[in-house]
Amino acid sequence: MGSYKTWEKLLSILNQEYGIQKDLMSVLFLVGIQESGMGFKGFSQEEKTELIKLAEFTLLSRENFYKKIGQDLDHWPIWAENPMKNLPAGQILNTLLKSLVLEYFNELHTKINV
């Protein structure tokens, strides 16, 4: 599988491979599943929200917006916000996350067959 040069190409591939919707939240959910190591299963709405947050923190830590500082009792990472960086909002944040997702999957597909 080649590199994911565009957001649309990545969405199409993930839709074909995993049947996910072609939107940012669905892709973040998939990243969260990958990062949690839980695999596909039925998730409650609360678990889905936590997986999306895990994905966001993981991706944004690549740009030093967050840093993993430990784990809670359930082995979920604990994150600290970088006070030296202001997290963008709205469309700027979405664009940043999409860019980081592309980077993530480009790196990931060289390690496993995504």
Foldseek 3Di string as FASTA:
>chain_A
DDADPDLVSVLVVCCVPPVFHSDDLRLLLVQLCVVVVVDDDDDDPVVSVVSSVLSLQVLVVVVPQKDFDAADPVRRTDIDGDPVDDQDDDPVNVVSSSVSSSVVVRVVCVVDPD
